[in-house]
């Protein structure tokens, strides 16, 4: 693969993509790729239509509540979304996963379906390389999340929350500056 000849299967393999998933808001059931079903402790025989509550039982409790809320909101507004969550410890340990998708109405039937892709972020979360490099990567991720929060908080029309997010962004900026000075000005991402 070159930059001028992208290869979709290679791109998926390199992205830690676990495959597709779909949620039917009307029946509250999920269809999961085989790998995603395994990570959520859903038997392969029911992966094509497992109850949402069954899949959420394999997710850390506080993340499960948030993930369920994200799926319900997607069904209401149809906007693209992404949600990160942790699985409960299992045979493969705790995994960090990300669902990305959006809800759409089927033009033929009018039925709502939320669908997207799942990604495994576990390796990204594990310490790797030097301690300084890991701290730099963490600071870079914090900056990415702070930028996302600033964009999201604007729509809430909550000035006290916006000020807090601004304060967090400034502090993260200071941390990034310290890390960059410590690495001789090189940014490690």
C-alpha atoms as a PDB file:
ATOM      1  CA  UNK A   1       0.000   0.000   0.000  1.00  0.00           C
ATOM      2  CA  UNK A   2       1.186   3.488  -0.783  1.00  0.00           C
ATOM      3  CA  UNK A   3      -0.306   6.841   0.056  1.00  0.00           C
ATOM      4  CA  UNK A   4      -1.466   6.999  -3.555  1.00  0.00           C
ATOM      5  CA  UNK A   5      -3.029   3.537  -3.605  1.00  0.00           C
ATOM      6  CA  UNK A   6      -4.890   3.057  -0.323  1.00  0.00           C
ATOM      7  CA  UNK A   7      -5.805  -0.502   0.539  1.00  0.00           C
ATOM      8  CA  UNK A   8      -8.946  -0.709   2.707  1.00  0.00           C
ATOM      9  CA  UNK A   9      -8.313  -4.197   4.211  1.00  0.00           C
ATOM     10  CA  UNK A  10      -4.768  -3.182   5.213  1.00  0.00           C
ATOM     11  CA  UNK A  11      -6.049   0.065   6.654  1.00  0.00           C
ATOM     12  CA  UNK A  12      -8.621  -1.798   8.769  1.00  0.00           C
ATOM     13  CA  UNK A  13      -6.016  -4.287   9.980  1.00  0.00           C
ATOM     14  CA  UNK A  14      -3.681  -1.465  10.994  1.00  0.00           C
ATOM     15  CA  UNK A  15      -6.420   0.455  12.785  1.00  0.00           C
ATOM     16  CA  UNK A  16      -7.335  -2.186  15.387  1.00  0.00           C
ATOM     17  CA  UNK A  17     -10.826  -2.360  13.870  1.00  0.00           C
ATOM     18  CA  UNK A  18     -12.910  -5.099  15.484  1.00  0.00           C
ATOM     19  CA  UNK A  19     -15.605  -4.979  12.851  1.00  0.00           C
ATOM     20  CA  UNK A  20     -19.109  -3.652  12.506  1.00  0.00           C
ATOM     21  CA  UNK A  21     -21.956  -3.472  15.001  1.00  0.00           C
ATOM     22  CA  UNK A  22     -25.586  -2.357  14.818  1.00  0.00           C
ATOM     23  CA  UNK A  23     -28.212  -1.388  17.408  1.00  0.00           C
ATOM     24  CA  UNK A  24     -31.938  -1.578  16.770  1.00  0.00           C
ATOM     25  CA  UNK A  25     -33.481   1.024  19.111  1.00  0.00           C
ATOM     26  CA  UNK A  26     -36.986  -0.451  18.677  1.00  0.00           C
ATOM     27  CA  UNK A  27     -36.029  -3.921  19.966  1.00  0.00           C
ATOM     28  CA  UNK A  28     -32.997  -2.754  22.002  1.00  0.00           C
ATOM     29  CA  UNK A  29     -30.886  -5.486  20.415  1.00  0.00           C
ATOM     30  CA  UNK A  30     -27.328  -5.455  19.100  1.00  0.00           C
ATOM     31  CA  UNK A  31     -25.703  -7.264  16.214  1.00  0.00           C
ATOM     32  CA  UNK A  32     -21.980  -7.673  16.858  1.00  0.00           C
ATOM     33  CA  UNK A  33     -18.986  -8.791  14.832  1.00  0.00           C
ATOM     34  CA  UNK A  34     -17.601 -12.106  16.115  1.00  0.00           C
ATOM     35  CA  UNK A  35     -14.559 -10.456  17.712  1.00  0.00           C
ATOM     36  CA  UNK A  36     -16.626  -7.748  19.418  1.00  0.00           C
ATOM     37  CA  UNK A  37     -19.116 -10.376  20.629  1.00  0.00           C
ATOM     38  CA  UNK A  38     -16.248 -12.366  22.195  1.00  0.00           C
ATOM     39  CA  UNK A  39     -14.850  -9.282  23.959  1.00  0.00           C
ATOM     40  CA  UNK A  40     -18.329  -8.502  25.338  1.00  0.00           C
ATOM     41  CA  UNK A  41     -18.868 -12.122  26.460  1.00  0.00           C
ATOM     42  CA  UNK A  42     -21.767 -12.582  24.050  1.00  0.00           C
ATOM     43  CA  UNK A  43     -22.094 -16.147  22.721  1.00  0.00           C
ATOM     44  CA  UNK A  44     -21.480 -16.378  18.983  1.00  0.00           C
ATOM     45  CA  UNK A  45     -24.891 -18.000  18.585  1.00  0.00           C
ATOM     46  CA  UNK A  46     -26.628 -14.794  19.777  1.00  0.00           C
ATOM     47  CA  UNK A  47     -24.202 -12.214  18.351  1.00  0.00           C
ATOM     48  CA  UNK A  48     -26.636 -11.344  15.551  1.00  0.00           C
ATOM     49  CA  UNK A  49     -29.343 -10.164  17.948  1.00  0.00           C
ATOM     50  CA  UNK A  50     -28.309 -10.003  21.578  1.00  0.00           C
ATOM     51  CA  UNK A  51     -30.156  -7.747  24.034  1.00  0.00           C
ATOM     52  CA  UNK A  52     -28.315  -4.504  24.746  1.00  0.00           C
ATOM     53  CA  UNK A  53     -28.418  -5.286  28.489  1.00  0.00           C
ATOM     54  CA  UNK A  54     -26.558  -8.578  27.828  1.00  0.00           C
ATOM     55  CA  UNK A  55     -23.694  -6.797  26.073  1.00  0.00           C
ATOM     56  CA  UNK A  56     -23.606  -3.977  28.658  1.00  0.00           C
ATOM     57  CA  UNK A  57     -23.198  -6.564  31.443  1.00  0.00           C
ATOM     58  CA  UNK A  58     -19.616  -7.063  30.190  1.00  0.00           C
ATOM     59  CA  UNK A  59     -18.869  -3.320  30.403  1.00  0.00           C
ATOM     60  CA  UNK A  60     -17.598  -1.526  33.524  1.00  0.00           C
ATOM     61  CA  UNK A  61     -20.687  -0.202  35.349  1.00  0.00           C
ATOM     62  CA  UNK A  62     -20.043   3.547  35.005  1.00  0.00           C
ATOM     63  CA  UNK A  63     -19.069   3.131  31.358  1.00  0.00           C
ATOM     64  CA  UNK A  64     -22.153   0.990  30.662  1.00  0.00           C
ATOM     65  CA  UNK A  65     -24.491   3.759  31.843  1.00  0.00           C
ATOM     66  CA  UNK A  66     -22.723   6.304  29.645  1.00  0.00           C
ATOM     67  CA  UNK A  67     -22.622   3.969  26.625  1.00  0.00           C
ATOM     68  CA  UNK A  68     -26.347   3.249  26.910  1.00  0.00           C
ATOM     69  CA  UNK A  69     -27.020   6.995  27.117  1.00  0.00           C
ATOM     70  CA  UNK A  70     -24.885   7.653  24.010  1.00  0.00           C
ATOM     71  CA  UNK A  71     -26.761   4.994  22.020  1.00  0.00           C
ATOM     72  CA  UNK A  72     -30.138   6.412  23.079  1.00  0.00           C
ATOM     73  CA  UNK A  73     -29.084   9.973  22.182  1.00  0.00           C
ATOM     74  CA  UNK A  74     -27.838   8.762  18.785  1.00  0.00           C
ATOM     75  CA  UNK A  75     -31.281   7.320  18.132  1.00  0.00           C
ATOM     76  CA  UNK A  76     -32.848  10.686  18.897  1.00  0.00           C
ATOM     77  CA  UNK A  77     -30.586  13.083  17.004  1.00  0.00           C
ATOM     78  CA  UNK A  78     -28.945  10.951  14.299  1.00  0.00           C
ATOM     79  CA  UNK A  79     -25.585  12.646  14.713  1.00  0.00           C
ATOM     80  CA  UNK A  80     -22.302  10.760  14.400  1.00  0.00           C
ATOM     81  CA  UNK A  81     -20.802   9.774  17.738  1.00  0.00           C
ATOM     82  CA  UNK A  82     -17.984   7.896  19.343  1.00  0.00           C
ATOM     83  CA  UNK A  83     -17.817   6.406  22.807  1.00  0.00           C
ATOM     84  CA  UNK A  84     -14.914   4.813  24.635  1.00  0.00           C
ATOM     85  CA  UNK A  85     -15.473   2.270  27.373  1.00  0.00           C
ATOM     86  CA  UNK A  86     -13.789  -0.481  29.373  1.00  0.00           C
ATOM     87  CA  UNK A  87     -14.837  -4.086  29.544  1.00  0.00           C
ATOM     88  CA  UNK A  88     -14.990  -5.858  32.879  1.00  0.00           C
ATOM     89  CA  UNK A  89     -11.938  -8.025  33.528  1.00  0.00           C
ATOM     90  CA  UNK A  90     -12.290 -11.319  31.673  1.00  0.00           C
ATOM     91  CA  UNK A  91     -10.108 -13.994  30.087  1.00  0.00           C
ATOM     92  CA  UNK A  92      -8.375 -11.314  27.985  1.00  0.00           C
ATOM     93  CA  UNK A  93      -8.191  -8.830  30.873  1.00  0.00           C
ATOM     94  CA  UNK A  94      -9.798  -5.404  30.763  1.00  0.00           C
ATOM     95  CA  UNK A  95     -10.080  -4.014  27.245  1.00  0.00           C
ATOM     96  CA  UNK A  96     -10.532  -0.395  26.136  1.00  0.00           C
ATOM     97  CA  UNK A  97     -12.941  -0.205  23.214  1.00  0.00           C
ATOM     98  CA  UNK A  98     -14.364   2.585  21.055  1.00  0.00           C
ATOM     99  CA  UNK A  99     -17.655   2.491  19.183  1.00  0.00           C
ATOM    100  CA  UNK A 100     -18.150   4.956  16.358  1.00  0.00           C
ATOM    101  CA  UNK A 101     -21.355   5.287  14.409  1.00  0.00           C
ATOM    102  CA  UNK A 102     -24.596   7.103  13.750  1.00  0.00           C
ATOM    103  CA  UNK A 103     -28.312   6.411  13.656  1.00  0.00           C
ATOM    104  CA  UNK A 104     -30.192   6.504  10.350  1.00  0.00           C
ATOM    105  CA  UNK A 105     -33.692   5.792   9.183  1.00  0.00           C
ATOM    106  CA  UNK A 106     -34.044   3.069   6.553  1.00  0.00           C
ATOM    107  CA  UNK A 107     -35.683   4.795   3.562  1.00  0.00           C
ATOM    108  CA  UNK A 108     -37.619   1.648   2.601  1.00  0.00           C
ATOM    109  CA  UNK A 109     -39.025   0.668   6.014  1.00  0.00           C
ATOM    110  CA  UNK A 110     -38.655   3.831   8.079  1.00  0.00           C
ATOM    111  CA  UNK A 111     -36.963   1.813  10.849  1.00  0.00           C
ATOM    112  CA  UNK A 112     -34.170   3.434  12.870  1.00  0.00           C
ATOM    113  CA  UNK A 113     -30.836   1.626  13.091  1.00  0.00           C
ATOM    114  CA  UNK A 114     -27.655   2.782  14.763  1.00  0.00           C
ATOM    115  CA  UNK A 115     -24.558   1.233  13.260  1.00  0.00           C
ATOM    116  CA  UNK A 116     -20.845   1.706  13.024  1.00  0.00           C
ATOM    117  CA  UNK A 117     -17.434   0.249  13.699  1.00  0.00           C
ATOM    118  CA  UNK A 118     -15.692  -0.879  16.884  1.00  0.00           C
ATOM    119  CA  UNK A 119     -11.996  -0.409  17.666  1.00  0.00           C
ATOM    120  CA  UNK A 120      -9.723  -1.892  20.311  1.00  0.00           C
ATOM    121  CA  UNK A 121      -7.732   0.834  22.083  1.00  0.00           C
ATOM    122  CA  UNK A 122      -6.125  -1.453  24.670  1.00  0.00           C
ATOM    123  CA  UNK A 123      -2.620  -1.395  23.192  1.00  0.00           C
ATOM    124  CA  UNK A 124      -2.809   2.389  22.928  1.00  0.00           C
ATOM    125  CA  UNK A 125      -3.556   2.575  26.668  1.00  0.00           C
ATOM    126  CA  UNK A 126      -0.649   0.362  27.726  1.00  0.00           C
ATOM    127  CA  UNK A 127       2.642   2.001  28.654  1.00  0.00           C
ATOM    128  CA  UNK A 128       5.177   1.603  25.883  1.00  0.00           C
ATOM    129  CA  UNK A 129       8.600   2.989  25.258  1.00  0.00           C
ATOM    130  CA  UNK A 130      10.339   5.409  27.558  1.00  0.00           C
ATOM    131  CA  UNK A 131       8.589   6.991  30.515  1.00  0.00           C
ATOM    132  CA  UNK A 132       9.094  10.434  28.976  1.00  0.00           C
ATOM    133  CA  UNK A 133       7.650   9.315  25.654  1.00  0.00           C
ATOM    134  CA  UNK A 134       4.635   7.786  27.379  1.00  0.00           C
ATOM    135  CA  UNK A 135       4.041  11.007  29.344  1.00  0.00           C
ATOM    136  CA  UNK A 136       4.260  13.013  26.109  1.00  0.00           C
ATOM    137  CA  UNK A 137       1.708  10.732  24.425  1.00  0.00           C
ATOM    138  CA  UNK A 138      -0.589  11.136  27.435  1.00  0.00           C
ATOM    139  CA  UNK A 139      -0.257  14.923  27.309  1.00  0.00           C
ATOM    140  CA  UNK A 140      -1.005  14.871  23.563  1.00  0.00           C
ATOM    141  CA  UNK A 141      -4.133  12.767  24.167  1.00  0.00           C
ATOM    142  CA  UNK A 142      -5.209  15.158  26.922  1.00  0.00           C
ATOM    143  CA  UNK A 143      -4.843  18.052  24.488  1.00  0.00           C
ATOM    144  CA  UNK A 144      -6.955  16.200  21.898  1.00  0.00           C
ATOM    145  CA  UNK A 145      -9.676  15.589  24.495  1.00  0.00           C
ATOM    146  CA  UNK A 146      -9.546  19.179  25.768  1.00  0.00           C
ATOM    147  CA  UNK A 147     -10.047  20.458  22.212  1.00  0.00           C
ATOM    148  CA  UNK A 148     -13.005  18.097  21.801  1.00  0.00           C
ATOM    149  CA  UNK A 149     -14.489  19.257  25.129  1.00  0.00           C
ATOM    150  CA  UNK A 150     -14.192  22.899  24.112  1.00  0.00           C
ATOM    151  CA  UNK A 151     -16.133  22.176  20.946  1.00  0.00           C
ATOM    152  CA  UNK A 152     -18.797  20.197  22.783  1.00  0.00           C
ATOM    153  CA  UNK A 153     -19.334  22.539  25.727  1.00  0.00           C
ATOM    154  CA  UNK A 154     -20.175  25.464  23.444  1.00  0.00           C
ATOM    155  CA  UNK A 155     -23.466  23.842  22.478  1.00  0.00           C
ATOM    156  CA  UNK A 156     -24.523  23.345  26.095  1.00  0.00           C
ATOM    157  CA  UNK A 157     -24.776  27.072  26.863  1.00  0.00           C
ATOM    158  CA  UNK A 158     -23.356  26.567  30.334  1.00  0.00           C
ATOM    159  CA  UNK A 159     -20.850  29.407  31.028  1.00  0.00           C
ATOM    160  CA  UNK A 160     -19.520  27.959  34.344  1.00  0.00           C
ATOM    161  CA  UNK A 161     -18.758  24.642  32.625  1.00  0.00           C
ATOM    162  CA  UNK A 162     -17.178  26.477  29.666  1.00  0.00           C
ATOM    163  CA  UNK A 163     -14.873  28.374  32.081  1.00  0.00           C
ATOM    164  CA  UNK A 164     -13.824  25.099  33.744  1.00  0.00           C
ATOM    165  CA  UNK A 165     -13.072  23.500  30.383  1.00  0.00           C
ATOM    166  CA  UNK A 166     -11.029  26.602  29.441  1.00  0.00           C
ATOM    167  CA  UNK A 167      -9.062  26.305  32.703  1.00  0.00           C
ATOM    168  CA  UNK A 168      -8.400  22.607  32.037  1.00  0.00           C
ATOM    169  CA  UNK A 169      -7.276  23.421  28.479  1.00  0.00           C
ATOM    170  CA  UNK A 170      -4.841  26.059  29.741  1.00  0.00           C
ATOM    171  CA  UNK A 171      -3.375  23.665  32.317  1.00  0.00           C
ATOM    172  CA  UNK A 172      -2.998  20.964  29.667  1.00  0.00           C
ATOM    173  CA  UNK A 173      -1.241  23.535  27.473  1.00  0.00           C
ATOM    174  CA  UNK A 174       1.222  24.194  30.313  1.00  0.00           C
ATOM    175  CA  UNK A 175       1.820  20.444  30.671  1.00  0.00           C
ATOM    176  CA  UNK A 176       2.443  20.105  26.941  1.00  0.00           C
ATOM    177  CA  UNK A 177       4.903  23.000  27.061  1.00  0.00           C
ATOM    178  CA  UNK A 178       6.777  21.336  29.953  1.00  0.00           C
ATOM    179  CA  UNK A 179       6.920  18.055  28.027  1.00  0.00           C
ATOM    180  CA  UNK A 180       8.117  19.754  24.847  1.00  0.00           C
ATOM    181  CA  UNK A 181      10.842  21.624  26.707  1.00  0.00           C
ATOM    182  CA  UNK A 182      11.882  18.344  28.327  1.00  0.00           C
ATOM    183  CA  UNK A 183      12.160  16.548  24.964  1.00  0.00           C
ATOM    184  CA  UNK A 184      14.332  19.184  23.375  1.00  0.00           C
ATOM    185  CA  UNK A 185      11.415  20.689  21.474  1.00  0.00           C
ATOM    186  CA  UNK A 186      10.517  17.452  19.673  1.00  0.00           C
ATOM    187  CA  UNK A 187       6.887  16.493  19.861  1.00  0.00           C
ATOM    188  CA  UNK A 188       6.211  12.793  20.307  1.00  0.00           C
ATOM    189  CA  UNK A 189       2.731  11.687  19.258  1.00  0.00           C
END
